């Protein structure tokens, strides 16, 4: 019997045709399958790792993370994540990274610790919330960012696009002023 260098656990997720089991590092906390069904993204204690759905060919996409919440783009070629990096200022920022690259690009700072969301069907826009109660939309191709709404004294979470990409819903919780 082969000994493992670090503890592992099985992660189950639904692929396009069946339920699959992936042998993942025990430190992985989140697993997301790519929209095209070819890859899985694991969020470990300190990195984002992409691997084939059978667990082969794991590739570290981003390392030196303290925390990250990362969805795939609808085209499965980019990952957006809100996270804290060891090299940064220890605040949540929004980053974009393309597959095949290990250099994330910071799009915004002071974002909430919640996953950003790509617009359907093609991911031309990315919605995210900030700590000051704003919902913002960024166009990754141009870097243009616009504020959709600002709610004072609100914590915004769970952003979700309508299937056609025309509407954006979110949950806002009132936060009392200090």
N, C-alpha and C. Protein backbone atom coordinates (compact mmCIF):
# COMPACT_ATOMS: atom_id res chain seq x y z
N UNK A 1 0.84 -1.18 0.00
CA UNK A 1 0.00 0.00 0.00
C UNK A 1 0.89 1.25 0.00
N UNK A 2 0.56 2.21 -0.83
CA UNK A 2 1.34 3.43 -0.97
C UNK A 2 0.94 4.44 0.10
N UNK A 3 1.92 5.01 0.79
CA UNK A 3 1.62 6.05 1.77
C UNK A 3 1.53 7.39 1.09
N UNK A 4 0.59 8.20 1.51
CA UNK A 4 0.42 9.53 0.95
C UNK A 4 1.24 10.52 1.77
N UNK A 5 1.82 11.49 1.08
CA UNK A 5 2.65 12.47 1.77
C UNK A 5 1.82 13.45 2.58
N UNK A 6 0.59 13.65 2.20
CA UNK A 6 -0.30 14.51 2.98
C UNK A 6 -1.69 13.92 2.96
N UNK A 7 -2.49 14.20 3.97
CA UNK A 7 -3.83 13.62 4.01
C UNK A 7 -4.66 14.05 2.81
N UNK A 8 -5.51 13.16 2.33
CA UNK A 8 -6.40 13.45 1.22
C UNK A 8 -7.81 13.07 1.63
N UNK A 9 -8.78 13.62 0.93
CA UNK A 9 -10.16 13.22 1.12
C UNK A 9 -10.82 13.20 -0.24
N UNK A 10 -11.89 12.47 -0.35
CA UNK A 10 -12.61 12.39 -1.61
C UNK A 10 -13.60 13.54 -1.70
N UNK A 11 -13.68 14.14 -2.86
CA UNK A 11 -14.66 15.20 -3.13
C UNK A 11 -15.54 14.71 -4.26
N UNK A 12 -16.83 14.78 -4.10
CA UNK A 12 -17.75 14.32 -5.14
C UNK A 12 -18.41 15.51 -5.79
N UNK A 13 -18.53 15.46 -7.11
CA UNK A 13 -19.23 16.51 -7.83
C UNK A 13 -19.85 15.90 -9.06
N UNK A 14 -20.87 16.57 -9.58
CA UNK A 14 -21.58 16.08 -10.75
C UNK A 14 -20.91 16.58 -12.01
N UNK A 15 -20.47 15.67 -12.85
CA UNK A 15 -19.94 16.03 -14.15
C UNK A 15 -21.09 16.07 -15.14
N UNK A 16 -20.78 16.21 -16.41
CA UNK A 16 -21.84 16.28 -17.42
C UNK A 16 -22.64 14.99 -17.50
N UNK A 17 -21.98 13.84 -17.28
CA UNK A 17 -22.69 12.59 -17.48
C UNK A 17 -22.85 11.73 -16.23
N UNK A 18 -22.10 12.04 -15.18
CA UNK A 18 -22.20 11.17 -14.01
C UNK A 18 -21.64 11.88 -12.78
N UNK A 19 -21.81 11.22 -11.66
CA UNK A 19 -21.22 11.70 -10.42
C UNK A 19 -19.80 11.17 -10.36
N UNK A 20 -18.84 12.06 -10.09
CA UNK A 20 -17.43 11.66 -10.07
C UNK A 20 -16.85 11.90 -8.69
N UNK A 21 -15.81 11.13 -8.38
CA UNK A 21 -15.08 11.31 -7.13
C UNK A 21 -13.66 11.74 -7.48
N UNK A 22 -13.21 12.79 -6.83
CA UNK A 22 -11.87 13.32 -7.06
C UNK A 22 -11.09 13.20 -5.77
N UNK A 23 -9.90 12.70 -5.87
CA UNK A 23 -9.03 12.61 -4.70
C UNK A 23 -8.34 13.97 -4.55
N UNK A 24 -8.69 14.69 -3.51
CA UNK A 24 -8.23 16.06 -3.33
C UNK A 24 -7.44 16.20 -2.04
N UNK A 25 -6.56 17.21 -1.97
CA UNK A 25 -5.85 17.45 -0.72
C UNK A 25 -6.84 17.70 0.41
N UNK A 26 -6.49 17.22 1.60
CA UNK A 26 -7.38 17.39 2.76
C UNK A 26 -7.61 18.86 3.07
N UNK A 27 -6.70 19.71 2.65
CA UNK A 27 -6.84 21.14 2.94
C UNK A 27 -7.80 21.84 1.99
N UNK A 28 -8.33 21.13 0.97
CA UNK A 28 -9.23 21.79 0.04
C UNK A 28 -10.58 22.03 0.71
N UNK A 29 -11.11 23.23 0.51
CA UNK A 29 -12.35 23.59 1.17
C UNK A 29 -13.50 23.79 0.20
N UNK A 30 -13.20 24.10 -1.05
CA UNK A 30 -14.24 24.30 -2.05
C UNK A 30 -13.83 23.62 -3.35
N UNK A 31 -14.81 23.08 -4.05
CA UNK A 31 -14.57 22.44 -5.33
C UNK A 31 -15.60 22.96 -6.31
N UNK A 32 -15.14 23.39 -7.49
CA UNK A 32 -16.05 23.88 -8.53
C UNK A 32 -15.66 23.27 -9.87
N UNK A 33 -16.61 22.63 -10.52
CA UNK A 33 -16.37 22.10 -11.85
C UNK A 33 -16.45 23.21 -12.88
N UNK A 34 -15.63 23.13 -13.93
CA UNK A 34 -15.68 24.13 -14.99
C UNK A 34 -16.96 23.94 -15.81
N UNK A 35 -17.48 25.02 -16.41
CA UNK A 35 -18.70 24.90 -17.20
C UNK A 35 -18.59 23.91 -18.36
N UNK A 36 -17.39 23.73 -18.93
CA UNK A 36 -17.25 22.79 -20.03
C UNK A 36 -17.06 21.35 -19.55
N UNK A 37 -16.98 21.14 -18.23
CA UNK A 37 -16.91 19.80 -17.66
C UNK A 37 -15.55 19.14 -17.72
N UNK A 38 -14.51 19.85 -18.19
CA UNK A 38 -13.19 19.23 -18.33
C UNK A 38 -12.32 19.34 -17.08
N UNK A 39 -12.51 20.42 -16.30
CA UNK A 39 -11.62 20.70 -15.18
C UNK A 39 -12.40 20.91 -13.90
N UNK A 40 -11.67 20.82 -12.81
CA UNK A 40 -12.23 21.14 -11.50
C UNK A 40 -11.26 22.10 -10.83
N UNK A 41 -11.81 23.08 -10.11
CA UNK A 41 -11.02 24.06 -9.38
C UNK A 41 -11.14 23.76 -7.90
N UNK A 42 -10.00 23.56 -7.25
CA UNK A 42 -9.97 23.30 -5.82
C UNK A 42 -9.42 24.54 -5.12
N UNK A 43 -10.08 24.96 -4.08
CA UNK A 43 -9.56 26.01 -3.23
C UNK A 43 -8.96 25.32 -2.02
N UNK A 44 -7.64 25.40 -1.91
CA UNK A 44 -6.96 24.79 -0.77
C UNK A 44 -6.72 25.86 0.29
N UNK A 45 -6.02 25.50 1.32
CA UNK A 45 -5.76 26.43 2.41
C UNK A 45 -5.04 27.68 1.92
N UNK A 46 -4.17 27.53 0.90
CA UNK A 46 -3.38 28.69 0.47
C UNK A 46 -3.22 28.82 -1.05
N UNK A 47 -4.07 28.13 -1.84
CA UNK A 47 -3.90 28.19 -3.29
C UNK A 47 -5.19 27.83 -4.02
N UNK A 48 -5.23 28.20 -5.30
CA UNK A 48 -6.26 27.72 -6.22
C UNK A 48 -5.57 26.74 -7.15
N UNK A 49 -6.12 25.53 -7.25
CA UNK A 49 -5.52 24.47 -8.04
C UNK A 49 -6.54 23.95 -9.04
N UNK A 50 -6.17 23.90 -10.32
CA UNK A 50 -7.02 23.33 -11.36
C UNK A 50 -6.49 21.95 -11.70
N UNK A 51 -7.40 21.01 -11.95
CA UNK A 51 -7.00 19.65 -12.32
C UNK A 51 -8.04 19.09 -13.28
N UNK A 52 -7.64 18.07 -14.02
CA UNK A 52 -8.60 17.35 -14.84
C UNK A 52 -9.63 16.71 -13.91
N UNK A 53 -10.81 16.41 -14.40
CA UNK A 53 -11.85 15.88 -13.53
C UNK A 53 -11.47 14.54 -12.92
N UNK A 54 -10.52 13.83 -13.51
CA UNK A 54 -10.07 12.57 -12.91
C UNK A 54 -8.97 12.80 -11.88
N UNK A 55 -8.62 14.06 -11.61
CA UNK A 55 -7.63 14.39 -10.61
C UNK A 55 -6.21 14.47 -11.13
N UNK A 56 -6.01 14.12 -12.41
CA UNK A 56 -4.66 14.17 -12.97
C UNK A 56 -4.29 15.59 -13.38
N UNK A 57 -3.01 15.82 -13.48
CA UNK A 57 -2.44 17.09 -13.95
C UNK A 57 -2.85 18.29 -13.12
N UNK A 58 -2.73 18.20 -11.79
CA UNK A 58 -3.06 19.38 -10.98
C UNK A 58 -2.06 20.51 -11.26
N UNK A 59 -2.59 21.71 -11.40
CA UNK A 59 -1.77 22.89 -11.69
C UNK A 59 -2.17 24.00 -10.73
N UNK A 60 -1.20 24.53 -10.02
CA UNK A 60 -1.48 25.65 -9.13
C UNK A 60 -1.68 26.90 -9.98
N UNK A 61 -2.86 27.49 -9.88
CA UNK A 61 -3.18 28.70 -10.64
C UNK A 61 -2.68 29.92 -9.89
N UNK A 62 -2.96 29.98 -8.60
CA UNK A 62 -2.54 31.09 -7.75
C UNK A 62 -2.15 30.51 -6.40
N UNK A 63 -1.03 30.99 -5.87
CA UNK A 63 -0.61 30.54 -4.54
C UNK A 63 -0.45 31.75 -3.62
N UNK A 64 -0.04 31.51 -2.41
CA UNK A 64 0.15 32.56 -1.39
C UNK A 64 -1.16 33.28 -1.09
N UNK A 65 -2.22 32.49 -0.94
CA UNK A 65 -3.53 33.04 -0.60
C UNK A 65 -3.83 32.83 0.87
N UNK A 66 -4.57 33.73 1.44
CA UNK A 66 -5.08 33.54 2.79
C UNK A 66 -6.50 33.00 2.69
N UNK A 67 -7.27 33.50 1.73
CA UNK A 67 -8.65 33.05 1.53
C UNK A 67 -9.05 33.43 0.11
N UNK A 68 -9.92 32.63 -0.52
CA UNK A 68 -10.36 32.96 -1.88
C UNK A 68 -11.72 32.33 -2.15
N UNK A 69 -12.53 33.02 -2.92
CA UNK A 69 -13.83 32.56 -3.38
C UNK A 69 -13.81 32.73 -4.90
N UNK A 70 -13.83 31.61 -5.64
CA UNK A 70 -13.48 31.67 -7.05
C UNK A 70 -14.45 30.92 -7.97
N UNK A 71 -15.17 31.64 -8.83
CA UNK A 71 -15.96 30.97 -9.86
C UNK A 71 -15.24 30.97 -11.22
N UNK A 72 -15.54 29.97 -12.03
CA UNK A 72 -15.06 29.90 -13.41
C UNK A 72 -15.82 30.90 -14.27
N UNK A 73 -15.19 31.35 -15.34
CA UNK A 73 -15.92 32.12 -16.35
C UNK A 73 -16.79 31.13 -17.12
N UNK A 74 -17.88 31.58 -17.75
CA UNK A 74 -18.74 30.67 -18.52
C UNK A 74 -18.00 29.95 -19.65
N UNK A 75 -16.90 30.53 -20.13
CA UNK A 75 -16.14 29.91 -21.20
C UNK A 75 -15.04 28.98 -20.69
N UNK A 76 -14.91 28.86 -19.37
CA UNK A 76 -13.94 27.97 -18.71
C UNK A 76 -12.48 28.33 -18.95
N UNK A 77 -12.21 29.55 -19.41
CA UNK A 77 -10.82 29.91 -19.68
C UNK A 77 -10.25 30.93 -18.69
N UNK A 78 -11.09 31.44 -17.79
CA UNK A 78 -10.62 32.40 -16.79
C UNK A 78 -11.28 32.10 -15.45
N UNK A 79 -10.64 32.59 -14.41
CA UNK A 79 -11.17 32.46 -13.06
C UNK A 79 -11.14 33.85 -12.44
N UNK A 80 -12.24 34.21 -11.81
CA UNK A 80 -12.28 35.45 -11.04
C UNK A 80 -12.30 35.03 -9.59
N UNK A 81 -11.61 35.74 -8.74
CA UNK A 81 -11.71 35.40 -7.33
C UNK A 81 -11.61 36.63 -6.46
N UNK A 82 -12.42 36.62 -5.41
CA UNK A 82 -12.26 37.61 -4.36
C UNK A 82 -11.43 36.91 -3.30
N UNK A 83 -10.37 37.57 -2.89
CA UNK A 83 -9.50 36.91 -1.95
C UNK A 83 -8.49 37.84 -1.32
N UNK A 84 -7.75 37.26 -0.40
CA UNK A 84 -6.68 37.97 0.30
C UNK A 84 -5.39 37.23 -0.03
N UNK A 85 -4.39 37.97 -0.49
CA UNK A 85 -3.10 37.38 -0.81
C UNK A 85 -2.07 37.75 0.25
N UNK A 86 -1.09 36.92 0.41
CA UNK A 86 -0.03 37.22 1.37
C UNK A 86 0.79 38.43 0.93
N UNK A 87 0.87 38.65 -0.38
CA UNK A 87 1.66 39.77 -0.91
C UNK A 87 0.89 41.09 -0.86
N UNK A 88 -0.41 41.04 -0.69
CA UNK A 88 -1.22 42.26 -0.74
C UNK A 88 -1.33 42.94 0.61
N UNK A 89 -2.36 43.75 0.73
CA UNK A 89 -2.56 44.56 1.94
C UNK A 89 -3.45 43.88 2.97
N UNK A 90 -3.71 42.58 2.77
CA UNK A 90 -4.50 41.77 3.70
C UNK A 90 -5.97 42.17 3.72
N UNK A 91 -6.43 42.80 2.62
CA UNK A 91 -7.85 43.10 2.46
C UNK A 91 -8.33 42.32 1.23
N UNK A 92 -9.62 42.03 1.18
CA UNK A 92 -10.17 41.31 0.04
C UNK A 92 -10.13 42.19 -1.20
N UNK A 93 -9.63 41.61 -2.29
CA UNK A 93 -9.60 42.27 -3.59
C UNK A 93 -10.18 41.32 -4.61
N UNK A 94 -10.55 41.86 -5.77
CA UNK A 94 -11.06 41.05 -6.87
C UNK A 94 -9.94 40.88 -7.88
N UNK A 95 -9.66 39.62 -8.24
CA UNK A 95 -8.59 39.31 -9.18
C UNK A 95 -9.15 38.50 -10.34
N UNK A 96 -8.48 38.61 -11.49
CA UNK A 96 -8.76 37.76 -12.65
C UNK A 96 -7.47 37.04 -13.01
N UNK A 97 -7.59 35.79 -13.40
CA UNK A 97 -6.44 35.03 -13.87
C UNK A 97 -6.92 34.11 -15.00
N UNK A 98 -6.13 34.05 -16.05
CA UNK A 98 -6.43 33.18 -17.18
C UNK A 98 -5.77 31.84 -16.97
N UNK A 99 -6.39 30.78 -17.47
CA UNK A 99 -5.75 29.46 -17.39
C UNK A 99 -4.46 29.53 -18.18
N UNK A 100 -3.44 28.88 -17.69
CA UNK A 100 -2.14 28.92 -18.32
C UNK A 100 -1.27 30.04 -17.78
N UNK A 101 -1.85 30.91 -16.97
CA UNK A 101 -1.09 31.99 -16.36
C UNK A 101 -1.11 31.80 -14.85
N UNK A 102 -0.10 32.28 -14.19
CA UNK A 102 -0.10 32.24 -12.72
C UNK A 102 0.00 33.65 -12.17
N UNK A 103 -0.30 34.63 -13.01
CA UNK A 103 -0.21 36.03 -12.59
C UNK A 103 -1.60 36.64 -12.55
N UNK A 104 -2.20 36.70 -11.37
CA UNK A 104 -3.52 37.31 -11.28
C UNK A 104 -3.43 38.83 -11.47
N UNK A 105 -4.48 39.38 -12.05
CA UNK A 105 -4.59 40.81 -12.27
C UNK A 105 -5.63 41.36 -11.30
N UNK A 106 -5.24 42.34 -10.49
CA UNK A 106 -6.19 42.90 -9.52
C UNK A 106 -7.09 43.90 -10.22
N UNK A 107 -8.40 43.66 -10.09
CA UNK A 107 -9.41 44.49 -10.74
C UNK A 107 -9.97 45.53 -9.78
N UNK A 108 -10.15 45.16 -8.52
CA UNK A 108 -10.76 46.07 -7.54
C UNK A 108 -10.30 45.68 -6.15
N UNK A 109 -10.37 46.63 -5.23
CA UNK A 109 -10.02 46.33 -3.84
C UNK A 109 -11.22 46.58 -2.95
N UNK A 110 -11.11 46.17 -1.70
CA UNK A 110 -12.18 46.33 -0.71
C UNK A 110 -13.48 45.65 -1.12
N UNK A 111 -13.37 44.46 -1.71
CA UNK A 111 -14.55 43.70 -2.08
C UNK A 111 -14.95 42.80 -0.91
N UNK A 112 -16.19 42.33 -0.91
CA UNK A 112 -16.63 41.45 0.17
C UNK A 112 -16.08 40.05 -0.04
N UNK A 113 -16.05 39.29 1.03
CA UNK A 113 -15.54 37.92 1.00
C UNK A 113 -16.62 36.98 0.49
N UNK A 114 -17.04 37.21 -0.73
CA UNK A 114 -18.09 36.42 -1.37
C UNK A 114 -17.69 36.31 -2.84
N UNK A 115 -18.05 35.22 -3.48
CA UNK A 115 -17.64 35.02 -4.86
C UNK A 115 -18.26 36.05 -5.79
N UNK A 116 -17.45 36.61 -6.70
CA UNK A 116 -18.02 37.44 -7.76
C UNK A 116 -18.81 36.55 -8.70
N UNK A 117 -19.57 37.13 -9.59
CA UNK A 117 -20.38 36.31 -10.49
C UNK A 117 -20.27 36.81 -11.93
N UNK A 118 -20.03 35.88 -12.85
CA UNK A 118 -19.90 36.19 -14.27
C UNK A 118 -21.28 36.33 -14.90
N UNK A 119 -21.41 37.23 -15.86
CA UNK A 119 -22.69 37.38 -16.56
C UNK A 119 -22.85 36.26 -17.58
N UNK A 120 -24.06 35.71 -17.67
CA UNK A 120 -24.31 34.71 -18.71
C UNK A 120 -24.62 35.42 -20.03
N UNK A 121 -24.52 34.83 -21.14
CA UNK A 121 -24.02 33.47 -21.33
C UNK A 121 -22.51 33.41 -21.56
N UNK A 122 -21.86 34.55 -21.79
CA UNK A 122 -20.48 34.54 -22.25
C UNK A 122 -19.46 35.16 -21.30
N UNK A 123 -19.87 35.67 -20.16
CA UNK A 123 -18.94 36.21 -19.19
C UNK A 123 -18.32 37.54 -19.58
N UNK A 124 -19.03 38.35 -20.34
CA UNK A 124 -18.49 39.66 -20.73
C UNK A 124 -18.38 40.62 -19.56
N UNK A 125 -19.18 40.39 -18.52
CA UNK A 125 -19.16 41.25 -17.34
C UNK A 125 -19.03 40.40 -16.09
N UNK A 126 -18.58 41.06 -15.03
CA UNK A 126 -18.38 40.40 -13.75
C UNK A 126 -18.94 41.32 -12.68
N UNK A 127 -19.85 40.79 -11.86
CA UNK A 127 -20.46 41.59 -10.79
C UNK A 127 -19.81 41.23 -9.47
N UNK A 128 -19.66 42.25 -8.61
CA UNK A 128 -19.09 42.03 -7.29
C UNK A 128 -19.61 43.10 -6.34
N UNK A 129 -19.51 42.83 -5.05
CA UNK A 129 -19.95 43.78 -4.03
C UNK A 129 -18.75 44.29 -3.26
N UNK A 130 -18.88 45.50 -2.73
CA UNK A 130 -17.80 46.09 -1.94
C UNK A 130 -18.28 46.28 -0.51
N UNK A 131 -17.33 46.51 0.40
CA UNK A 131 -17.65 46.67 1.81
C UNK A 131 -18.47 47.93 2.08
N UNK A 132 -18.43 48.91 1.17
CA UNK A 132 -19.18 50.14 1.40
C UNK A 132 -20.63 50.06 0.93
N UNK A 133 -21.09 48.86 0.54
CA UNK A 133 -22.49 48.68 0.13
C UNK A 133 -22.75 48.94 -1.35
N UNK A 134 -21.72 48.88 -2.16
CA UNK A 134 -21.87 49.08 -3.60
C UNK A 134 -21.91 47.75 -4.33
N UNK A 135 -22.69 47.72 -5.41
CA UNK A 135 -22.64 46.60 -6.36
C UNK A 135 -22.01 47.18 -7.62
N UNK A 136 -20.95 46.55 -8.07
CA UNK A 136 -20.22 47.06 -9.23
C UNK A 136 -20.14 46.00 -10.31
N UNK A 137 -20.01 46.49 -11.54
CA UNK A 137 -19.87 45.63 -12.71
C UNK A 137 -18.56 46.02 -13.39
N UNK A 138 -17.73 45.03 -13.69
CA UNK A 138 -16.50 45.28 -14.41
C UNK A 138 -16.55 44.52 -15.74
N UNK A 139 -16.03 45.14 -16.79
CA UNK A 139 -15.88 44.49 -18.09
C UNK A 139 -14.41 44.07 -18.19
N UNK A 140 -14.11 42.78 -18.02
CA UNK A 140 -12.71 42.34 -18.00
C UNK A 140 -11.93 42.71 -19.26
N UNK A 141 -12.58 42.73 -20.42
CA UNK A 141 -11.87 43.03 -21.67
C UNK A 141 -11.32 44.45 -21.69
N UNK A 142 -12.02 45.39 -21.04
CA UNK A 142 -11.59 46.79 -21.08
C UNK A 142 -11.11 47.31 -19.73
N UNK A 143 -11.47 46.61 -18.66
CA UNK A 143 -11.15 47.09 -17.32
C UNK A 143 -12.10 48.15 -16.80
N UNK A 144 -13.09 48.51 -17.61
CA UNK A 144 -14.07 49.52 -17.20
C UNK A 144 -14.95 49.00 -16.07
N UNK A 145 -15.06 49.80 -15.01
CA UNK A 145 -15.89 49.44 -13.86
C UNK A 145 -16.94 50.51 -13.67
N UNK A 146 -18.16 50.07 -13.40
CA UNK A 146 -19.23 51.02 -13.11
C UNK A 146 -20.00 50.55 -11.89
N UNK A 147 -20.54 51.52 -11.16
CA UNK A 147 -21.33 51.21 -9.98
C UNK A 147 -22.78 51.04 -10.40
N UNK A 148 -23.35 49.90 -10.07
CA UNK A 148 -24.74 49.62 -10.40
C UNK A 148 -25.67 50.24 -9.36
N UNK A 149 -25.31 50.09 -8.09
CA UNK A 149 -26.11 50.67 -7.00
C UNK A 149 -25.23 50.82 -5.76
N UNK A 150 -25.65 51.73 -4.89
CA UNK A 150 -24.97 51.92 -3.61
C UNK A 150 -26.04 51.93 -2.52
N UNK A 151 -25.86 51.09 -1.53
CA UNK A 151 -26.78 51.02 -0.41
C UNK A 151 -26.00 51.30 0.87
N UNK A 152 -26.28 52.43 1.47
CA UNK A 152 -25.57 52.78 2.71
C UNK A 152 -25.98 51.82 3.82
N UNK A 153 -25.03 51.50 4.68
CA UNK A 153 -25.28 50.64 5.83
C UNK A 153 -25.86 49.28 5.45
N UNK A 154 -25.33 48.71 4.36
CA UNK A 154 -25.81 47.41 3.91
C UNK A 154 -24.64 46.48 3.62
N UNK A 155 -24.83 45.23 3.95
CA UNK A 155 -23.89 44.17 3.59
C UNK A 155 -24.52 43.42 2.43
N UNK A 156 -23.84 43.35 1.31
CA UNK A 156 -24.39 42.75 0.10
C UNK A 156 -23.71 41.41 -0.14
N UNK A 157 -24.52 40.40 -0.43
CA UNK A 157 -24.04 39.03 -0.66
C UNK A 157 -24.85 38.37 -1.77
N UNK A 158 -24.38 37.19 -2.17
CA UNK A 158 -25.12 36.27 -3.05
C UNK A 158 -25.61 36.92 -4.33
N UNK A 159 -24.72 37.55 -5.07
CA UNK A 159 -25.08 38.13 -6.36
C UNK A 159 -25.40 37.02 -7.35
N UNK A 160 -26.43 37.21 -8.16
CA UNK A 160 -26.82 36.20 -9.14
C UNK A 160 -27.45 36.87 -10.36
N UNK A 161 -26.95 36.54 -11.54
CA UNK A 161 -27.49 37.06 -12.79
C UNK A 161 -28.71 36.25 -13.20
N UNK A 162 -29.63 36.87 -13.92
CA UNK A 162 -30.72 36.13 -14.55
C UNK A 162 -30.10 35.33 -15.70
N UNK A 163 -30.77 34.26 -16.15
CA UNK A 163 -30.19 33.42 -17.20
C UNK A 163 -29.84 34.18 -18.49
N UNK A 164 -30.58 35.25 -18.80
CA UNK A 164 -30.27 36.00 -20.02
C UNK A 164 -29.22 37.09 -19.79
N UNK A 165 -28.80 37.30 -18.55
CA UNK A 165 -27.78 38.29 -18.25
C UNK A 165 -28.27 39.72 -18.20
N UNK A 166 -29.58 39.92 -18.25
CA UNK A 166 -30.13 41.29 -18.24
C UNK A 166 -30.35 41.84 -16.83
N UNK A 167 -30.54 40.97 -15.86
CA UNK A 167 -30.84 41.41 -14.50
C UNK A 167 -29.87 40.79 -13.52
N UNK A 168 -29.66 41.50 -12.40
CA UNK A 168 -28.78 41.03 -11.36
C UNK A 168 -29.52 41.11 -10.03
N UNK A 169 -29.58 40.02 -9.31
CA UNK A 169 -30.23 39.98 -8.00
C UNK A 169 -29.15 39.85 -6.93
N UNK A 170 -29.45 40.30 -5.71
CA UNK A 170 -28.52 40.15 -4.61
C UNK A 170 -29.29 40.26 -3.30
N UNK A 171 -28.66 39.84 -2.24
CA UNK A 171 -29.22 39.93 -0.90
C UNK A 171 -28.52 41.08 -0.19
N UNK A 172 -29.30 41.98 0.40
CA UNK A 172 -28.73 43.09 1.17
C UNK A 172 -29.26 42.99 2.60
N UNK A 173 -28.33 43.05 3.55
CA UNK A 173 -28.69 43.01 4.95
C UNK A 173 -28.31 44.34 5.57
N UNK A 174 -29.25 44.94 6.26
CA UNK A 174 -28.98 46.23 6.90
C UNK A 174 -27.98 46.04 8.03
N UNK A 175 -26.99 46.90 8.06
CA UNK A 175 -25.97 46.88 9.10
C UNK A 175 -26.06 48.20 9.85
N UNK A 176 -26.33 48.14 11.15
CA UNK A 176 -26.46 49.39 11.92
C UNK A 176 -25.15 50.17 11.94
N UNK A 177 -25.26 51.48 11.96
CA UNK A 177 -24.06 52.32 12.07
C UNK A 177 -23.48 52.18 13.46
N UNK A 178 -22.19 52.35 13.56
CA UNK A 178 -21.52 52.28 14.86
C UNK A 178 -21.82 53.49 15.70
